[in-house]
PDB file of N, CA and C in Angstrom:
ATOM      1  N   UNK A   1      25.156   5.044   3.870  1.00  0.00           N
ATOM      2  CA  UNK A   1      25.196   5.595   5.166  1.00  0.00           C
ATOM      3  C   UNK A   1      25.573   4.466   6.105  1.00  0.00           C
ATOM      4  N   UNK A   2      26.581   4.682   7.106  1.00  0.00           N
ATOM      5  CA  UNK A   2      26.873   3.757   7.869  1.00  0.00           C
ATOM      6  C   UNK A   2      26.292   3.855   9.221  1.00  0.00           C
ATOM      7  N   UNK A   3      25.852   2.837   9.777  1.00  0.00           N
ATOM      8  CA  UNK A   3      25.230   3.306  11.166  1.00  0.00           C
ATOM      9  C   UNK A   3      25.456   1.961  12.018  1.00  0.00           C
ATOM     10  N   UNK A   4      25.116   2.196  13.463  1.00  0.00           N
ATOM     11  CA  UNK A   4      25.128   0.897  14.434  1.00  0.00           C
ATOM     12  C   UNK A   4      23.539   0.744  14.703  1.00  0.00           C
ATOM     13  N   UNK A   5      23.397  -0.118  15.579  1.00  0.00           N
ATOM     14  CA  UNK A   5      22.159  -0.637  15.958  1.00  0.00           C
ATOM     15  C   UNK A   5      21.775   0.595  17.077  1.00  0.00           C
ATOM     16  N   UNK A   6      22.623   0.923  17.986  1.00  0.00           N
ATOM     17  CA  UNK A   6      22.087   2.006  18.748  1.00  0.00           C
ATOM     18  C   UNK A   6      21.875   3.409  18.158  1.00  0.00           C
ATOM     19  N   UNK A   7      22.571   3.706  17.127  1.00  0.00           N
ATOM     20  CA  UNK A   7      22.187   5.178  16.394  1.00  0.00           C
ATOM     21  C   UNK A   7      21.083   4.659  15.782  1.00  0.00           C
ATOM     22  N   UNK A   8      20.523   3.630  15.187  1.00  0.00           N
ATOM     23  CA  UNK A   8      19.643   3.433  14.377  1.00  0.00           C
ATOM     24  C   UNK A   8      18.442   3.371  15.429  1.00  0.00           C
ATOM     25  N   UNK A   9      18.506   3.142  16.429  1.00  0.00           N
ATOM     26  CA  UNK A   9      17.313   3.372  17.434  1.00  0.00           C
ATOM     27  C   UNK A   9      17.254   4.806  17.817  1.00  0.00           C
ATOM     28  N   UNK A  10      18.108   5.452  18.115  1.00  0.00           N
ATOM     29  CA  UNK A  10      18.107   6.816  18.550  1.00  0.00           C
ATOM     30  C   UNK A  10      18.001   7.797  17.627  1.00  0.00           C
ATOM     31  N   UNK A  11      18.190   7.518  16.276  1.00  0.00           N
ATOM     32  CA  UNK A  11      18.136   8.300  15.348  1.00  0.00           C
ATOM     33  C   UNK A  11      17.338   7.717  14.088  1.00  0.00           C
ATOM     34  N   UNK A  12      16.411   7.017  14.473  1.00  0.00           N
ATOM     35  CA  UNK A  12      15.560   6.527  13.172  1.00  0.00           C
ATOM     36  C   UNK A  12      14.948   7.318  12.325  1.00  0.00           C
ATOM     37  N   UNK A  13      14.241   8.567  12.642  1.00  0.00           N
ATOM     38  CA  UNK A  13      13.673   9.366  11.462  1.00  0.00           C
ATOM     39  C   UNK A  13      14.881   9.495  10.375  1.00  0.00           C
ATOM     40  N   UNK A  14      16.114   9.871  10.978  1.00  0.00           N
ATOM     41  CA  UNK A  14      17.410  10.290  10.077  1.00  0.00           C
ATOM     42  C   UNK A  14      17.639   9.159   9.293  1.00  0.00           C
ATOM     43  N   UNK A  15      17.524   8.115   9.608  1.00  0.00           N
ATOM     44  CA  UNK A  15      18.169   6.833   8.938  1.00  0.00           C
ATOM     45  C   UNK A  15      17.049   6.422   7.905  1.00  0.00           C
ATOM     46  N   UNK A  16      15.812   6.630   8.386  1.00  0.00           N
ATOM     47  CA  UNK A  16      14.712   6.297   7.463  1.00  0.00           C
ATOM     48  C   UNK A  16      14.438   7.366   6.474  1.00  0.00           C
ATOM     49  N   UNK A  17      14.778   8.448   6.489  1.00  0.00           N
ATOM     50  CA  UNK A  17      15.098   9.760   5.391  1.00  0.00           C
ATOM     51  C   UNK A  17      15.967   9.160   4.584  1.00  0.00           C
ATOM     52  N   UNK A  18      17.137   8.484   4.883  1.00  0.00           N
ATOM     53  CA  UNK A  18      18.281   8.188   4.009  1.00  0.00           C
ATOM     54  C   UNK A  18      17.750   7.026   3.181  1.00  0.00           C
ATOM     55  N   UNK A  19      17.314   6.084   3.946  1.00  0.00           N
ATOM     56  CA  UNK A  19      16.714   4.836   3.104  1.00  0.00           C
ATOM     57  C   UNK A  19      15.419   5.573   1.962  1.00  0.00           C
ATOM     58  N   UNK A  20      14.751   6.239   2.402  1.00  0.00           N
ATOM     59  CA  UNK A  20      13.808   6.661   1.722  1.00  0.00           C
ATOM     60  C   UNK A  20      14.457   7.318   0.274  1.00  0.00           C
ATOM     61  N   UNK A  21      15.335   8.208   0.633  1.00  0.00           N
ATOM     62  CA  UNK A  21      16.214   8.958  -0.597  1.00  0.00           C
ATOM     63  C   UNK A  21      16.870   7.810  -1.465  1.00  0.00           C
ATOM     64  N   UNK A  22      16.873   6.593  -1.164  1.00  0.00           N
ATOM     65  CA  UNK A  22      17.617   5.878  -2.222  1.00  0.00           C
ATOM     66  C   UNK A  22      18.865   5.397  -1.523  1.00  0.00           C
ATOM     67  N   UNK A  23      19.553   6.061  -0.552  1.00  0.00           N
ATOM     68  CA  UNK A  23      20.938   5.676  -0.216  1.00  0.00           C
ATOM     69  C   UNK A  23      20.906   4.457   0.511  1.00  0.00           C
ATOM     70  N   UNK A  24      22.189   3.897   0.085  1.00  0.00           N
ATOM     71  CA  UNK A  24      22.665   2.393   0.636  1.00  0.00           C
ATOM     72  C   UNK A  24      22.575   2.919   2.298  1.00  0.00           C
ATOM     73  N   UNK A  25      22.014   2.075   3.285  1.00  0.00           N
ATOM     74  CA  UNK A  25      22.211   2.120   4.670  1.00  0.00           C
ATOM     75  C   UNK A  25      22.460   0.812   5.300  1.00  0.00           C
ATOM     76  N   UNK A  26      23.856   0.683   5.690  1.00  0.00           N
ATOM     77  CA  UNK A  26      24.447  -0.489   6.234  1.00  0.00           C
ATOM     78  C   UNK A  26      24.571  -0.386   7.650  1.00  0.00           C
ATOM     79  N   UNK A  27      23.876  -1.129   8.477  1.00  0.00           N
ATOM     80  CA  UNK A  27      23.754  -1.224   9.842  1.00  0.00           C
ATOM     81  C   UNK A  27      24.734  -2.294  10.243  1.00  0.00           C
ATOM     82  N   UNK A  28      25.629  -1.838  10.909  1.00  0.00           N
ATOM     83  CA  UNK A  28      26.744  -2.837  11.712  1.00  0.00           C
ATOM     84  C   UNK A  28      26.668  -3.252  12.636  1.00  0.00           C
ATOM     85  N   UNK A  29      26.387  -4.768  12.982  1.00  0.00           N
ATOM     86  CA  UNK A  29      26.019  -5.463  14.371  1.00  0.00           C
ATOM     87  C   UNK A  29      27.442  -6.573  14.559  1.00  0.00           C
ATOM     88  N   UNK A  30      27.403  -7.082  15.568  1.00  0.00           N
ATOM     89  CA  UNK A  30      28.253  -7.955  16.021  1.00  0.00           C
ATOM     90  C   UNK A  30      27.881  -9.163  15.067  1.00  0.00           C
ATOM     91  N   UNK A  31      26.940  -9.483  14.647  1.00  0.00           N
ATOM     92  CA  UNK A  31      26.759 -10.595  13.800  1.00  0.00           C
ATOM     93  C   UNK A  31      27.177 -10.590  12.597  1.00  0.00           C
ATOM     94  N   UNK A  32      27.048  -9.478  11.967  1.00  0.00           N
ATOM     95  CA  UNK A  32      27.235  -9.177  10.433  1.00  0.00           C
ATOM     96  C   UNK A  32      26.877  -7.706  10.293  1.00  0.00           C
ATOM     97  N   UNK A  33      26.812  -7.386   9.209  1.00  0.00           N
ATOM     98  CA  UNK A  33      26.321  -6.076   8.500  1.00  0.00           C
ATOM     99  C   UNK A  33      24.759  -6.478   8.133  1.00  0.00           C
ATOM    100  N   UNK A  34      23.923  -5.629   8.411  1.00  0.00           N
ATOM    101  CA  UNK A  34      22.520  -5.577   7.589  1.00  0.00           C
ATOM    102  C   UNK A  34      22.279  -4.467   6.656  1.00  0.00           C
ATOM    103  N   UNK A  35      21.586  -4.635   5.723  1.00  0.00           N
ATOM    104  CA  UNK A  35      21.384  -3.469   4.764  1.00  0.00           C
ATOM    105  C   UNK A  35      20.013  -3.110   4.818  1.00  0.00           C
ATOM    106  N   UNK A  36      19.553  -1.751   4.804  1.00  0.00           N
ATOM    107  CA  UNK A  36      18.288  -1.292   4.868  1.00  0.00           C
ATOM    108  C   UNK A  36      18.004  -0.720   3.598  1.00  0.00           C
ATOM    109  N   UNK A  37      16.818  -1.069   2.826  1.00  0.00           N
ATOM    110  CA  UNK A  37      16.324  -0.471   1.723  1.00  0.00           C
ATOM    111  C   UNK A  37      14.890  -0.102   2.052  1.00  0.00           C
ATOM    112  N   UNK A  38      14.611   0.692   0.985  1.00  0.00           N
ATOM    113  CA  UNK A  38      13.171   1.209   1.172  1.00  0.00           C
ATOM    114  C   UNK A  38      12.421   0.494  -0.125  1.00  0.00           C
ATOM    115  N   UNK A  39      11.399   0.168   0.056  1.00  0.00           N
ATOM    116  CA  UNK A  39      10.529  -0.508  -1.182  1.00  0.00           C
ATOM    117  C   UNK A  39       9.447   0.721  -1.311  1.00  0.00           C
ATOM    118  N   UNK A  40       9.251   0.876  -2.733  1.00  0.00           N
ATOM    119  CA  UNK A  40       8.117   1.813  -2.979  1.00  0.00           C
ATOM    120  C   UNK A  40       6.720   1.045  -2.937  1.00  0.00           C
ATOM    121  N   UNK A  41       5.613   1.687  -2.440  1.00  0.00           N
ATOM    122  CA  UNK A  41       4.380   0.984  -2.360  1.00  0.00           C
ATOM    123  C   UNK A  41       3.921   0.639  -3.777  1.00  0.00           C
ATOM    124  N   UNK A  42       3.268  -0.516  -3.718  1.00  0.00           N
ATOM    125  CA  UNK A  42       2.596  -0.689  -5.192  1.00  0.00           C
ATOM    126  C   UNK A  42       1.525   0.144  -5.632  1.00  0.00           C
ATOM    127  N   UNK A  43       1.276   0.249  -6.683  1.00  0.00           N
ATOM    128  CA  UNK A  43       0.142   1.033  -7.207  1.00  0.00           C
ATOM    129  C   UNK A  43      -1.193   0.556  -6.722  1.00  0.00           C
ATOM    130  N   UNK A  44      -1.928   1.416  -6.197  1.00  0.00           N
ATOM    131  CA  UNK A  44      -3.073   0.501  -5.459  1.00  0.00           C
ATOM    132  C   UNK A  44      -4.343   1.470  -6.086  1.00  0.00           C
ATOM    133  N   UNK A  45      -5.360   0.821  -6.351  1.00  0.00           N
ATOM    134  CA  UNK A  45      -6.479   1.051  -7.081  1.00  0.00           C
ATOM    135  C   UNK A  45      -7.737   0.794  -6.144  1.00  0.00           C
ATOM    136  N   UNK A  46      -8.654   1.455  -6.554  1.00  0.00           N
ATOM    137  CA  UNK A  46     -10.223   1.494  -5.724  1.00  0.00           C
ATOM    138  C   UNK A  46     -10.468   0.009  -5.716  1.00  0.00           C
ATOM    139  N   UNK A  47     -10.279  -0.951  -6.576  1.00  0.00           N
ATOM    140  CA  UNK A  47     -10.591  -2.493  -6.566  1.00  0.00           C
ATOM    141  C   UNK A  47      -9.772  -3.459  -5.834  1.00  0.00           C
ATOM    142  N   UNK A  48      -8.462  -2.764  -5.656  1.00  0.00           N
ATOM    143  CA  UNK A  48      -7.337  -3.631  -5.412  1.00  0.00           C
ATOM    144  C   UNK A  48      -7.115  -5.107  -5.767  1.00  0.00           C
ATOM    145  N   UNK A  49      -7.287  -6.120  -5.034  1.00  0.00           N
ATOM    146  CA  UNK A  49      -7.258  -7.464  -5.547  1.00  0.00           C
ATOM    147  C   UNK A  49      -8.352  -7.941  -6.302  1.00  0.00           C
ATOM    148  N   UNK A  50      -9.408  -6.985  -6.480  1.00  0.00           N
ATOM    149  CA  UNK A  50     -10.623  -7.463  -7.177  1.00  0.00           C
ATOM    150  C   UNK A  50     -10.370  -7.188  -8.770  1.00  0.00           C
ATOM    151  N   UNK A  51      -9.222  -6.551  -9.173  1.00  0.00           N
ATOM    152  CA  UNK A  51      -9.026  -5.959 -10.487  1.00  0.00           C
ATOM    153  C   UNK A  51      -9.175  -7.001 -11.434  1.00  0.00           C
ATOM    154  N   UNK A  52      -9.991  -6.847 -12.289  1.00  0.00           N
ATOM    155  CA  UNK A  52     -10.332  -7.816 -13.631  1.00  0.00           C
ATOM    156  C   UNK A  52     -11.448  -8.765 -13.141  1.00  0.00           C
ATOM    157  N   UNK A  53     -11.724  -8.523 -12.009  1.00  0.00           N
ATOM    158  CA  UNK A  53     -13.149  -9.549 -11.849  1.00  0.00           C
ATOM    159  C   UNK A  53     -14.168  -8.771 -12.190  1.00  0.00           C
ATOM    160  N   UNK A  54     -14.572  -7.402 -12.021  1.00  0.00           N
ATOM    161  CA  UNK A  54     -15.667  -6.687 -12.535  1.00  0.00           C
ATOM    162  C   UNK A  54     -15.712  -6.299 -14.090  1.00  0.00           C
ATOM    163  N   UNK A  55     -16.905  -6.396 -14.686  1.00  0.00           N
ATOM    164  CA  UNK A  55     -16.748  -5.748 -16.012  1.00  0.00           C
ATOM    165  C   UNK A  55     -17.967  -4.591 -16.039  1.00  0.00           C
ATOM    166  N   UNK A  56     -17.674  -3.962 -17.077  1.00  0.00           N
ATOM    167  CA  UNK A  56     -18.552  -2.708 -17.211  1.00  0.00           C
ATOM    168  C   UNK A  56     -19.894  -3.407 -17.896  1.00  0.00           C
ATOM    169  N   UNK A  57     -20.835  -3.391 -17.550  1.00  0.00           N
ATOM    170  CA  UNK A  57     -22.126  -3.946 -18.369  1.00  0.00           C
ATOM    171  C   UNK A  57     -23.052  -2.717 -19.110  1.00  0.00           C
ATOM    172  N   UNK A  58     -22.545  -1.477 -18.912  1.00  0.00           N
ATOM    173  CA  UNK A  58     -23.332  -0.315 -19.484  1.00  0.00           C
ATOM    174  C   UNK A  58     -24.510   0.040 -18.909  1.00  0.00           C
ATOM    175  N   UNK A  59     -24.691  -0.617 -17.712  1.00  0.00           N
ATOM    176  CA  UNK A  59     -25.826  -0.265 -16.927  1.00  0.00           C
ATOM    177  C   UNK A  59     -25.834   1.014 -16.354  1.00  0.00           C
ATOM    178  N   UNK A  60     -26.981   1.948 -16.426  1.00  0.00           N
ATOM    179  CA  UNK A  60     -27.037   2.936 -15.698  1.00  0.00           C
ATOM    180  C   UNK A  60     -27.640   3.024 -14.351  1.00  0.00           C
ATOM    181  N   UNK A  61     -26.538   3.110 -13.297  1.00  0.00           N
ATOM    182  CA  UNK A  61     -26.888   2.741 -12.034  1.00  0.00           C
ATOM    183  C   UNK A  61     -27.702   3.888 -11.270  1.00  0.00           C
ATOM    184  N   UNK A  62     -27.857   5.055 -11.855  1.00  0.00           N
ATOM    185  CA  UNK A  62     -28.804   6.097 -11.398  1.00  0.00           C
ATOM    186  C   UNK A  62     -30.087   5.905 -11.421  1.00  0.00           C
ATOM    187  N   UNK A  63     -30.388   4.679 -12.407  1.00  0.00           N
ATOM    188  CA  UNK A  63     -31.888   4.568 -12.772  1.00  0.00           C
ATOM    189  C   UNK A  63     -32.114   3.270 -12.126  1.00  0.00           C
ATOM    190  N   UNK A  64     -33.613   3.006 -11.592  1.00  0.00           N
ATOM    191  CA  UNK A  64     -34.018   1.673 -11.000  1.00  0.00           C
ATOM    192  C   UNK A  64     -33.447   0.661 -11.928  1.00  0.00           C
ATOM    193  N   UNK A  65     -33.107  -0.505 -11.158  1.00  0.00           N
ATOM    194  CA  UNK A  65     -32.661  -1.585 -11.953  1.00  0.00           C
ATOM    195  C   UNK A  65     -33.636  -2.933 -12.076  1.00  0.00           C
ATOM    196  N   UNK A  66     -34.713  -2.530 -11.222  1.00  0.00           N
ATOM    197  CA  UNK A  66     -35.792  -3.717 -11.345  1.00  0.00           C
ATOM    198  C   UNK A  66     -36.794  -2.789 -12.037  1.00  0.00           C
ATOM    199  N   UNK A  67     -37.913  -3.574 -12.666  1.00  0.00           N
ATOM    200  CA  UNK A  67     -39.118  -3.079 -13.236  1.00  0.00           C
ATOM    201  C   UNK A  67     -40.332  -2.856 -12.322  1.00  0.00           C
ATOM    202  N   UNK A  68     -40.960  -1.818 -12.794  1.00  0.00           N
ATOM    203  CA  UNK A  68     -41.977  -1.386 -11.550  1.00  0.00           C
ATOM    204  C   UNK A  68     -42.804  -2.635 -11.267  1.00  0.00           C
ATOM    205  N   UNK A  69     -43.098  -3.517 -11.741  1.00  0.00           N
ATOM    206  CA  UNK A  69     -43.748  -4.795 -11.584  1.00  0.00           C
ATOM    207  C   UNK A  69     -43.230  -5.353 -10.546  1.00  0.00           C
ATOM    208  N   UNK A  70     -41.753  -5.412 -10.266  1.00  0.00           N
ATOM    209  CA  UNK A  70     -41.027  -6.306  -9.423  1.00  0.00           C
ATOM    210  C   UNK A  70     -41.261  -5.496  -8.082  1.00  0.00           C
ATOM    211  N   UNK A  71     -41.564  -4.625  -7.957  1.00  0.00           N
ATOM    212  CA  UNK A  71     -41.818  -3.646  -6.696  1.00  0.00           C
ATOM    213  C   UNK A  71     -42.907  -4.461  -6.032  1.00  0.00           C
ATOM    214  N   UNK A  72     -42.839  -4.992  -4.962  1.00  0.00           N
ATOM    215  CA  UNK A  72     -44.167  -5.303  -4.160  1.00  0.00           C
ATOM    216  C   UNK A  72     -43.642  -4.768  -2.440  1.00  0.00           C
ATOM    217  N   UNK A  73     -43.790  -3.642  -2.288  1.00  0.00           N
ATOM    218  CA  UNK A  73     -43.495  -3.039  -0.919  1.00  0.00           C
ATOM    219  C   UNK A  73     -44.767  -3.681   0.118  1.00  0.00           C
ATOM    220  N   UNK A  74     -44.267  -4.169   1.027  1.00  0.00           N
ATOM    221  CA  UNK A  74     -45.005  -4.754   2.096  1.00  0.00           C
ATOM    222  C   UNK A  74     -44.224  -4.360   3.568  1.00  0.00           C
ATOM    223  N   UNK A  75     -44.844  -4.483   4.485  1.00  0.00           N
ATOM    224  CA  UNK A  75     -44.328  -4.430   5.984  1.00  0.00           C
ATOM    225  C   UNK A  75     -44.353  -5.893   6.484  1.00  0.00           C
TER     226      UNK A  75
END
């Protein structure tokens, strides 16, 4: 798809859809041509950048983690 800056600003949703479809979008300017491309988002997990930091210790997190003698509730 060939476009210019004015058309890019006026019809951005149309140009964006073309880039997301994988079309080659060339924006013609006075200084030179620009190429608009879409990049797919990286796979995201719940842990994100912490991936590999946590390990599974096999602990049952639905049960108390401290023994009853360690509980000393007070105000």
